[in-house]
Amino acid sequence: MAKLWGMLDGHWLVWNLRLKKVILETNTEETIQAIQEAVKEQHGFSVICSIKELLQRDWTICFIHIFKEANKVVDGLAKMTFSRPLGKFISMQPPNEVLQSLHDDLSNIV
């Protein structure tokens, strides 16, 4: 359920940034499946209903499953949460803690 709330926050963030083509990567296939099935049918969870409403807007979102081991940037961001205060953290620049992983990812170094 926490992943779904994270996706909802992420959707709102990219929508407010006016991004029209978005690739959303997650390491849980169940999350992608829950959202895709909710698009096809009525769903009772408010978070899924909110994501469904956002998906119907004028933009393109592609969901991709990626293994946790292959996404070191997200893994690094997740580990950062243990050293930050509770609440939402939005950064328009990559935090220093993940710069090397981001550079490696862009260079296709695994």
N, C-alpha and C. Protein backbone atom coordinates (compact mmCIF):
# COMPACT_ATOMS: atom_id res chain seq x y z
N MET A 1 0.82 -1.20 0.00
CA MET A 1 0.00 0.00 0.00
C MET A 1 0.86 1.26 0.00
N ALA A 2 2.01 1.22 0.70
CA ALA A 2 2.89 2.39 0.74
C ALA A 2 3.42 2.73 -0.65
N LYS A 3 3.69 1.70 -1.45
CA LYS A 3 4.17 1.94 -2.82
C LYS A 3 3.11 2.67 -3.64
N LEU A 4 1.84 2.30 -3.44
CA LEU A 4 0.77 2.97 -4.17
C LEU A 4 0.68 4.45 -3.78
N TRP A 5 0.80 4.75 -2.49
CA TRP A 5 0.78 6.15 -2.06
C TRP A 5 1.97 6.90 -2.63
N GLY A 6 3.12 6.24 -2.68
CA GLY A 6 4.30 6.85 -3.28
C GLY A 6 4.10 7.13 -4.76
N MET A 7 3.45 6.20 -5.44
CA MET A 7 3.15 6.42 -6.86
C MET A 7 2.19 7.58 -7.05
N LEU A 8 1.19 7.66 -6.18
CA LEU A 8 0.24 8.76 -6.28
C LEU A 8 0.96 10.10 -6.11
N ASP A 9 1.81 10.20 -5.10
CA ASP A 9 2.59 11.43 -4.91
C ASP A 9 3.45 11.72 -6.12
N GLY A 10 4.09 10.68 -6.66
CA GLY A 10 4.93 10.86 -7.85
C GLY A 10 4.13 11.32 -9.05
N HIS A 11 2.94 10.75 -9.23
CA HIS A 11 2.08 11.18 -10.33
C HIS A 11 1.73 12.66 -10.21
N TRP A 12 1.35 13.08 -9.00
CA TRP A 12 1.01 14.48 -8.80
C TRP A 12 2.21 15.39 -9.07
N LEU A 13 3.37 14.96 -8.63
CA LEU A 13 4.58 15.76 -8.85
C LEU A 13 4.85 15.96 -10.33
N VAL A 14 4.86 14.87 -11.11
CA VAL A 14 5.16 15.03 -12.54
C VAL A 14 4.03 15.74 -13.27
N TRP A 15 2.79 15.58 -12.82
CA TRP A 15 1.68 16.32 -13.43
C TRP A 15 1.85 17.83 -13.19
N ASN A 16 2.18 18.20 -11.97
CA ASN A 16 2.37 19.62 -11.64
C ASN A 16 3.60 20.21 -12.32
N LEU A 17 4.56 19.37 -12.69
CA LEU A 17 5.72 19.83 -13.47
C LEU A 17 5.40 19.90 -14.96
N ARG A 18 4.17 19.52 -15.31
CA ARG A 18 3.67 19.55 -16.68
C ARG A 18 4.44 18.62 -17.63
N LEU A 19 4.90 17.52 -17.09
CA LEU A 19 5.56 16.52 -17.92
C LEU A 19 4.49 15.70 -18.62
N LYS A 20 4.63 15.47 -19.91
CA LYS A 20 3.58 14.81 -20.69
C LYS A 20 3.90 13.36 -21.04
N LYS A 21 5.17 12.97 -20.96
CA LYS A 21 5.55 11.58 -21.22
C LYS A 21 6.40 11.11 -20.05
N VAL A 22 5.89 10.13 -19.32
CA VAL A 22 6.53 9.70 -18.07
C VAL A 22 6.74 8.19 -18.10
N ILE A 23 7.92 7.78 -17.68
CA ILE A 23 8.21 6.36 -17.47
C ILE A 23 8.32 6.16 -15.96
N LEU A 24 7.48 5.31 -15.43
CA LEU A 24 7.46 5.04 -14.01
C LEU A 24 8.00 3.64 -13.77
N GLU A 25 9.11 3.55 -13.06
CA GLU A 25 9.73 2.25 -12.77
C GLU A 25 9.43 1.85 -11.33
N THR A 26 9.13 0.58 -11.15
CA THR A 26 8.91 0.05 -9.81
C THR A 26 9.45 -1.37 -9.74
N ASN A 27 9.87 -1.77 -8.56
CA ASN A 27 10.39 -3.13 -8.41
C ASN A 27 9.32 -4.10 -7.93
N THR A 28 8.08 -3.66 -7.87
CA THR A 28 7.00 -4.57 -7.46
C THR A 28 5.98 -4.69 -8.58
N GLU A 29 5.94 -5.87 -9.17
CA GLU A 29 4.98 -6.13 -10.24
C GLU A 29 3.55 -6.03 -9.73
N GLU A 30 3.35 -6.34 -8.44
CA GLU A 30 2.01 -6.29 -7.87
C GLU A 30 1.44 -4.87 -7.93
N THR A 31 2.30 -3.88 -7.75
CA THR A 31 1.84 -2.49 -7.80
C THR A 31 1.36 -2.15 -9.20
N ILE A 32 2.14 -2.51 -10.20
CA ILE A 32 1.75 -2.26 -11.60
C ILE A 32 0.45 -2.98 -11.90
N GLN A 33 0.36 -4.23 -11.49
CA GLN A 33 -0.84 -5.03 -11.75
C GLN A 33 -2.07 -4.42 -11.08
N ALA A 34 -1.93 -3.97 -9.84
CA ALA A 34 -3.06 -3.36 -9.13
C ALA A 34 -3.57 -2.13 -9.87
N ILE A 35 -2.65 -1.31 -10.37
CA ILE A 35 -3.06 -0.09 -11.08
C ILE A 35 -3.68 -0.45 -12.42
N GLN A 36 -3.07 -1.35 -13.17
CA GLN A 36 -3.60 -1.71 -14.48
C GLN A 36 -4.96 -2.38 -14.37
N GLU A 37 -5.15 -3.23 -13.38
CA GLU A 37 -6.46 -3.87 -13.20
C GLU A 37 -7.50 -2.86 -12.75
N ALA A 38 -7.09 -1.88 -11.97
CA ALA A 38 -8.03 -0.85 -11.52
C ALA A 38 -8.48 0.01 -12.69
N VAL A 39 -7.61 0.18 -13.69
CA VAL A 39 -7.99 0.96 -14.87
C VAL A 39 -9.09 0.24 -15.63
N LYS A 40 -9.06 -1.08 -15.63
CA LYS A 40 -10.04 -1.87 -16.37
C LYS A 40 -11.37 -2.01 -15.64
N GLU A 41 -11.35 -1.91 -14.33
CA GLU A 41 -12.56 -2.13 -13.54
C GLU A 41 -12.67 -1.11 -12.41
N GLN A 42 -13.83 -1.03 -11.82
CA GLN A 42 -14.01 -0.14 -10.68
C GLN A 42 -13.24 -0.70 -9.50
N HIS A 43 -12.59 0.16 -8.76
CA HIS A 43 -11.81 -0.30 -7.62
C HIS A 43 -12.17 0.55 -6.40
N GLY A 44 -12.22 -0.06 -5.24
CA GLY A 44 -12.66 0.62 -4.04
C GLY A 44 -11.60 1.39 -3.29
N PHE A 45 -10.32 1.06 -3.43
CA PHE A 45 -9.29 1.76 -2.68
C PHE A 45 -9.15 3.19 -3.18
N SER A 46 -9.20 4.14 -2.26
CA SER A 46 -9.15 5.55 -2.66
C SER A 46 -7.85 5.90 -3.36
N VAL A 47 -6.73 5.32 -2.94
CA VAL A 47 -5.46 5.64 -3.58
C VAL A 47 -5.45 5.16 -5.03
N ILE A 48 -5.99 3.97 -5.27
CA ILE A 48 -6.03 3.46 -6.65
C ILE A 48 -7.00 4.27 -7.48
N CYS A 49 -8.12 4.68 -6.91
CA CYS A 49 -9.07 5.53 -7.63
C CYS A 49 -8.42 6.86 -8.00
N SER A 50 -7.63 7.41 -7.11
CA SER A 50 -6.94 8.68 -7.39
C SER A 50 -5.91 8.51 -8.50
N ILE A 51 -5.16 7.41 -8.48
CA ILE A 51 -4.20 7.14 -9.55
C ILE A 51 -4.93 6.95 -10.87
N LYS A 52 -6.04 6.22 -10.82
CA LYS A 52 -6.84 5.98 -12.02
C LYS A 52 -7.30 7.30 -12.63
N GLU A 53 -7.75 8.21 -11.79
CA GLU A 53 -8.20 9.53 -12.28
C GLU A 53 -7.05 10.29 -12.94
N LEU A 54 -5.87 10.23 -12.34
CA LEU A 54 -4.71 10.91 -12.92
C LEU A 54 -4.30 10.29 -14.25
N LEU A 55 -4.41 8.98 -14.37
CA LEU A 55 -4.03 8.31 -15.61
C LEU A 55 -4.92 8.70 -16.79
N GLN A 56 -6.12 9.17 -16.50
CA GLN A 56 -7.05 9.53 -17.56
C GLN A 56 -6.82 10.94 -18.10
N ARG A 57 -5.85 11.63 -17.56
CA ARG A 57 -5.56 12.99 -18.03
C ARG A 57 -4.76 12.95 -19.33
N ASP A 58 -4.49 14.13 -19.87
CA ASP A 58 -3.83 14.25 -21.17
C ASP A 58 -2.31 14.10 -21.04
N TRP A 59 -1.87 12.86 -20.88
CA TRP A 59 -0.45 12.56 -20.83
C TRP A 59 -0.25 11.07 -21.03
N THR A 60 0.98 10.67 -21.19
CA THR A 60 1.32 9.26 -21.41
C THR A 60 2.20 8.78 -20.27
N ILE A 61 1.76 7.73 -19.60
CA ILE A 61 2.55 7.13 -18.53
C ILE A 61 2.79 5.67 -18.87
N CYS A 62 4.04 5.28 -18.83
CA CYS A 62 4.43 3.90 -19.09
C CYS A 62 4.96 3.30 -17.80
N PHE A 63 4.39 2.17 -17.40
CA PHE A 63 4.85 1.47 -16.19
C PHE A 63 5.84 0.38 -16.59
N ILE A 64 6.96 0.33 -15.91
CA ILE A 64 7.99 -0.66 -16.19
C ILE A 64 8.41 -1.33 -14.89
N HIS A 65 8.46 -2.66 -14.93
CA HIS A 65 8.99 -3.40 -13.78
C HIS A 65 10.51 -3.45 -13.92
N ILE A 66 11.20 -3.12 -12.86
CA ILE A 66 12.66 -3.18 -12.85
C ILE A 66 13.08 -3.85 -11.55
N PHE A 67 14.05 -4.73 -11.64
CA PHE A 67 14.51 -5.41 -10.44
C PHE A 67 15.23 -4.44 -9.52
N LYS A 68 15.04 -4.61 -8.23
CA LYS A 68 15.63 -3.71 -7.23
C LYS A 68 17.14 -3.59 -7.42
N GLU A 69 17.79 -4.69 -7.72
CA GLU A 69 19.24 -4.69 -7.87
C GLU A 69 19.69 -3.85 -9.07
N ALA A 70 18.81 -3.65 -10.03
CA ALA A 70 19.16 -2.89 -11.23
C ALA A 70 18.91 -1.40 -11.07
N ASN A 71 18.30 -0.98 -9.99
CA ASN A 71 17.96 0.43 -9.82
C ASN A 71 18.61 0.95 -8.54
N LYS A 72 19.89 1.18 -8.61
CA LYS A 72 20.66 1.61 -7.44
C LYS A 72 20.31 3.04 -7.00
N VAL A 73 19.84 3.87 -7.93
CA VAL A 73 19.46 5.24 -7.57
C VAL A 73 18.27 5.21 -6.62
N VAL A 74 17.24 4.48 -6.98
CA VAL A 74 16.05 4.39 -6.13
C VAL A 74 16.40 3.72 -4.81
N ASP A 75 17.24 2.70 -4.86
CA ASP A 75 17.67 2.04 -3.63
C ASP A 75 18.38 3.03 -2.71
N GLY A 76 19.24 3.86 -3.30
CA GLY A 76 19.95 4.89 -2.52
C GLY A 76 19.00 5.92 -1.95
N LEU A 77 18.00 6.34 -2.74
CA LEU A 77 17.01 7.30 -2.25
C LEU A 77 16.21 6.70 -1.09
N ALA A 78 15.85 5.43 -1.23
CA ALA A 78 15.09 4.77 -0.16
C ALA A 78 15.91 4.70 1.13
N LYS A 79 17.19 4.42 1.02
CA LYS A 79 18.04 4.35 2.20
C LYS A 79 18.20 5.72 2.86
N MET A 80 18.12 6.79 2.07
CA MET A 80 18.24 8.14 2.62
C MET A 80 17.09 8.46 3.58
N THR A 81 15.95 7.81 3.39
CA THR A 81 14.78 8.14 4.22
C THR A 81 15.02 7.86 5.70
N PHE A 82 15.95 6.96 6.00
CA PHE A 82 16.22 6.63 7.40
C PHE A 82 16.96 7.76 8.12
N SER A 83 17.60 8.65 7.37
CA SER A 83 18.36 9.74 8.01
C SER A 83 17.66 11.09 7.86
N ARG A 84 16.44 11.09 7.36
CA ARG A 84 15.69 12.34 7.18
C ARG A 84 14.49 12.37 8.11
N PRO A 85 14.01 13.58 8.42
CA PRO A 85 12.79 13.66 9.24
C PRO A 85 11.58 13.13 8.47
N LEU A 86 10.56 12.73 9.22
CA LEU A 86 9.34 12.25 8.58
C LEU A 86 8.73 13.33 7.71
N GLY A 87 8.08 12.92 6.65
CA GLY A 87 7.43 13.86 5.76
C GLY A 87 7.93 13.70 4.34
N LYS A 88 7.37 14.49 3.48
CA LYS A 88 7.70 14.43 2.07
C LYS A 88 8.98 15.22 1.79
N PHE A 89 9.84 14.66 0.98
CA PHE A 89 11.08 15.32 0.57
C PHE A 89 11.10 15.38 -0.94
N ILE A 90 11.10 16.58 -1.49
CA ILE A 90 11.14 16.76 -2.94
C ILE A 90 12.38 17.55 -3.28
N SER A 91 13.17 17.01 -4.18
CA SER A 91 14.40 17.67 -4.61
C SER A 91 14.39 17.78 -6.12
N MET A 92 14.67 18.94 -6.65
CA MET A 92 14.70 19.13 -8.09
C MET A 92 16.06 18.73 -8.67
N GLN A 93 17.01 18.46 -7.82
CA GLN A 93 18.34 18.00 -8.23
C GLN A 93 18.62 16.68 -7.51
N PRO A 94 19.39 15.80 -8.13
CA PRO A 94 19.71 14.55 -7.43
C PRO A 94 20.52 14.83 -6.17
N PRO A 95 20.16 14.23 -5.05
CA PRO A 95 20.94 14.40 -3.83
C PRO A 95 22.36 13.84 -4.01
N ASN A 96 23.31 14.42 -3.32
CA ASN A 96 24.70 13.98 -3.43
C ASN A 96 24.87 12.49 -3.16
N GLU A 97 24.04 11.95 -2.28
CA GLU A 97 24.16 10.55 -1.90
C GLU A 97 23.95 9.58 -3.06
N VAL A 98 23.28 10.02 -4.13
CA VAL A 98 22.99 9.11 -5.24
C VAL A 98 23.66 9.54 -6.55
N LEU A 99 24.47 10.58 -6.52
CA LEU A 99 25.08 11.08 -7.76
C LEU A 99 25.91 10.03 -8.48
N GLN A 100 26.73 9.28 -7.75
CA GLN A 100 27.57 8.27 -8.41
C GLN A 100 26.71 7.17 -9.04
N SER A 101 25.69 6.73 -8.32
CA SER A 101 24.80 5.70 -8.87
C SER A 101 24.07 6.22 -10.10
N LEU A 102 23.64 7.48 -10.07
CA LEU A 102 22.97 8.08 -11.22
C LEU A 102 23.92 8.15 -12.41
N HIS A 103 25.15 8.58 -12.17
CA HIS A 103 26.14 8.65 -13.25
C HIS A 103 26.38 7.26 -13.83
N ASP A 104 26.53 6.26 -12.97
CA ASP A 104 26.73 4.88 -13.43
C ASP A 104 25.54 4.40 -14.25
N ASP A 105 24.33 4.73 -13.79
CA ASP A 105 23.12 4.33 -14.50
C ASP A 105 23.07 4.96 -15.89
N LEU A 106 23.38 6.25 -15.97
CA LEU A 106 23.38 6.94 -17.26
C LEU A 106 24.46 6.41 -18.19
N SER A 107 25.53 5.87 -17.61
CA SER A 107 26.63 5.32 -18.40
C SER A 107 26.44 3.83 -18.67
N ASN A 108 25.30 3.29 -18.24
CA ASN A 108 24.99 1.86 -18.39
C ASN A 108 25.98 0.96 -17.68
N ILE A 109 26.49 1.41 -16.56
CA ILE A 109 27.38 0.58 -15.74
C ILE A 109 26.53 -0.07 -14.67
N VAL A 110 26.59 -1.38 -14.59
CA VAL A 110 25.78 -2.09 -13.59
C VAL A 110 26.61 -2.42 -12.39
